[in-house]
Amino acid sequence: MYMLIGGDFNSRAKQLLLQLGELCEKDTDKKIPVEELAEELEVDRAELKNLLEYLENKELINIASIGGPFLYGHVKITEKGVLKALKLK
């Protein structure tokens, strides 16, 4: 198993952040199911885990719950994440 690094990974992280921004309607309190994100973006479990951890380390999202088929159950976008998502549009 390896982690994507570079342009492809950054592109997927941006897609994930944009999708999360749309699903939560820029509400930082709204929990979004990780399974829903995975379906929307068509990513596998390992890639999604790496993307979510990357975005959390950048303080763009918060892991809201643990569990389920994707290790993390729900995520919430942060204020910083909302601003970043708006810039990406």
C-alpha atoms as a PDB file:
ATOM      1  CA  MET A   1       0.000   0.000   0.000  1.00  0.00           C
ATOM      2  CA  TYR A   2       1.299   3.459  -0.823  1.00  0.00           C
ATOM      3  CA  MET A   3       0.019   6.978  -0.521  1.00  0.00           C
ATOM      4  CA  LEU A   4      -0.340   9.237  -3.526  1.00  0.00           C
ATOM      5  CA  ILE A   5       1.818  12.317  -3.274  1.00  0.00           C
ATOM      6  CA  GLY A   6       1.941  15.369  -5.465  1.00  0.00           C
ATOM      7  CA  GLY A   7      -0.493  16.691  -8.017  1.00  0.00           C
ATOM      8  CA  ASP A   8      -2.934  13.783  -8.085  1.00  0.00           C
ATOM      9  CA  PHE A   9      -3.228  13.696  -4.307  1.00  0.00           C
ATOM     10  CA  ASN A  10      -3.668  17.466  -4.062  1.00  0.00           C
ATOM     11  CA  SER A  11      -6.272  17.390  -6.811  1.00  0.00           C
ATOM     12  CA  ARG A  12      -8.251  14.696  -4.952  1.00  0.00           C
ATOM     13  CA  ALA A  13      -7.954  16.625  -1.680  1.00  0.00           C
ATOM     14  CA  LYS A  14      -9.352  19.728  -3.397  1.00  0.00           C
ATOM     15  CA  GLN A  15     -12.227  17.699  -4.872  1.00  0.00           C
ATOM     16  CA  LEU A  16     -12.992  16.277  -1.440  1.00  0.00           C
ATOM     17  CA  LEU A  17     -12.961  19.704   0.205  1.00  0.00           C
ATOM     18  CA  LEU A  18     -15.204  21.177  -2.499  1.00  0.00           C
ATOM     19  CA  GLN A  19     -17.643  18.267  -2.171  1.00  0.00           C
ATOM     20  CA  LEU A  20     -17.689  18.583   1.598  1.00  0.00           C
ATOM     21  CA  GLY A  21     -18.327  22.333   1.326  1.00  0.00           C
ATOM     22  CA  GLU A  22     -21.309  21.703  -0.919  1.00  0.00           C
ATOM     23  CA  LEU A  23     -22.759  18.906   1.210  1.00  0.00           C
ATOM     24  CA  CYS A  24     -22.530  20.848   4.457  1.00  0.00           C
ATOM     25  CA  GLU A  25     -23.733  24.072   2.813  1.00  0.00           C
ATOM     26  CA  LYS A  26     -20.841  25.897   4.528  1.00  0.00           C
ATOM     27  CA  ASP A  27     -22.254  24.983   7.971  1.00  0.00           C
ATOM     28  CA  THR A  28     -19.307  24.121  10.251  1.00  0.00           C
ATOM     29  CA  ASP A  29     -21.604  22.286  12.683  1.00  0.00           C
ATOM     30  CA  LYS A  30     -23.110  19.928  10.109  1.00  0.00           C
ATOM     31  CA  LYS A  31     -21.771  16.360  10.204  1.00  0.00           C
ATOM     32  CA  ILE A  32     -21.320  14.754   6.798  1.00  0.00           C
ATOM     33  CA  PRO A  33     -21.209  10.945   6.513  1.00  0.00           C
ATOM     34  CA  VAL A  34     -17.840   9.791   5.190  1.00  0.00           C
ATOM     35  CA  GLU A  35     -19.592   7.029   3.258  1.00  0.00           C
ATOM     36  CA  GLU A  36     -21.489   9.699   1.297  1.00  0.00           C
ATOM     37  CA  LEU A  37     -18.217  11.455   0.421  1.00  0.00           C
ATOM     38  CA  ALA A  38     -16.698   8.164  -0.722  1.00  0.00           C
ATOM     39  CA  GLU A  39     -19.643   7.468  -3.017  1.00  0.00           C
ATOM     40  CA  GLU A  40     -19.631  10.976  -4.475  1.00  0.00           C
ATOM     41  CA  LEU A  41     -15.897  10.936  -5.203  1.00  0.00           C
ATOM     42  CA  GLU A  42     -15.573   7.223  -6.008  1.00  0.00           C
ATOM     43  CA  VAL A  43     -12.501   6.736  -3.808  1.00  0.00           C
ATOM     44  CA  ASP A  44     -11.408   3.623  -1.991  1.00  0.00           C
ATOM     45  CA  ARG A  45     -11.088   3.269   1.753  1.00  0.00           C
ATOM     46  CA  ALA A  46      -7.311   3.734   2.001  1.00  0.00           C
ATOM     47  CA  GLU A  47      -7.221   6.799  -0.244  1.00  0.00           C
ATOM     48  CA  LEU A  48     -10.135   8.399   1.582  1.00  0.00           C
ATOM     49  CA  LYS A  49      -8.498   7.799   4.964  1.00  0.00           C
ATOM     50  CA  ASN A  50      -5.288   9.464   3.750  1.00  0.00           C
ATOM     51  CA  LEU A  51      -7.178  12.403   2.250  1.00  0.00           C
ATOM     52  CA  LEU A  52      -9.205  12.988   5.408  1.00  0.00           C
ATOM     53  CA  GLU A  53      -6.128  12.834   7.618  1.00  0.00           C
ATOM     54  CA  TYR A  54      -4.315  15.252   5.306  1.00  0.00           C
ATOM     55  CA  LEU A  55      -7.207  17.737   5.394  1.00  0.00           C
ATOM     56  CA  GLU A  56      -7.498  17.387   9.159  1.00  0.00           C
ATOM     57  CA  ASN A  57      -3.778  18.082   9.590  1.00  0.00           C
ATOM     58  CA  LYS A  58      -4.249  21.226   7.491  1.00  0.00           C
ATOM     59  CA  GLU A  59      -7.124  22.197   9.882  1.00  0.00           C
ATOM     60  CA  LEU A  60      -9.612  22.252   7.001  1.00  0.00           C
ATOM     61  CA  ILE A  61     -11.846  19.537   8.484  1.00  0.00           C
ATOM     62  CA  ASN A  62     -12.523  17.863  11.818  1.00  0.00           C
ATOM     63  CA  ILE A  63     -13.160  14.163  12.256  1.00  0.00           C
ATOM     64  CA  ALA A  64     -16.550  14.160  13.992  1.00  0.00           C
ATOM     65  CA  SER A  65     -17.002  10.428  14.600  1.00  0.00           C
ATOM     66  CA  ILE A  66     -15.073   7.192  14.275  1.00  0.00           C
ATOM     67  CA  GLY A  67     -16.478   3.951  12.897  1.00  0.00           C
ATOM     68  CA  GLY A  68     -18.130   2.492   9.878  1.00  0.00           C
ATOM     69  CA  PRO A  69     -16.717   0.982   6.700  1.00  0.00           C
ATOM     70  CA  PHE A  70     -14.352   3.917   6.089  1.00  0.00           C
ATOM     71  CA  LEU A  71     -12.827   4.061   9.610  1.00  0.00           C
ATOM     72  CA  TYR A  72     -14.218   7.559  10.090  1.00  0.00           C
ATOM     73  CA  GLY A  73     -17.970   7.948  10.330  1.00  0.00           C
ATOM     74  CA  HIS A  74     -18.549  11.682   9.951  1.00  0.00           C
ATOM     75  CA  VAL A  75     -16.528  14.810   9.246  1.00  0.00           C
ATOM     76  CA  LYS A  76     -17.207  18.514   9.654  1.00  0.00           C
ATOM     77  CA  ILE A  77     -15.670  21.337   7.663  1.00  0.00           C
ATOM     78  CA  THR A  78     -13.874  24.050   9.637  1.00  0.00           C
ATOM     79  CA  GLU A  79     -14.153  27.790   9.094  1.00  0.00           C
ATOM     80  CA  LYS A  80     -10.725  27.629   7.447  1.00  0.00           C
ATOM     81  CA  GLY A  81     -12.023  24.799   5.245  1.00  0.00           C
ATOM     82  CA  VAL A  82     -15.059  26.827   4.176  1.00  0.00           C
ATOM     83  CA  LEU A  83     -12.817  29.721   3.138  1.00  0.00           C
ATOM     84  CA  LYS A  84     -10.469  27.409   1.248  1.00  0.00           C
ATOM     85  CA  ALA A  85     -13.379  25.697  -0.537  1.00  0.00           C
ATOM     86  CA  LEU A  86     -14.755  29.090  -1.614  1.00  0.00           C
ATOM     87  CA  LYS A  87     -11.350  30.012  -3.068  1.00  0.00           C
ATOM     88  CA  LEU A  88     -11.214  26.726  -5.010  1.00  0.00           C
ATOM     89  CA  LYS A  89     -14.476  27.364  -6.877  1.00  0.00           C
END
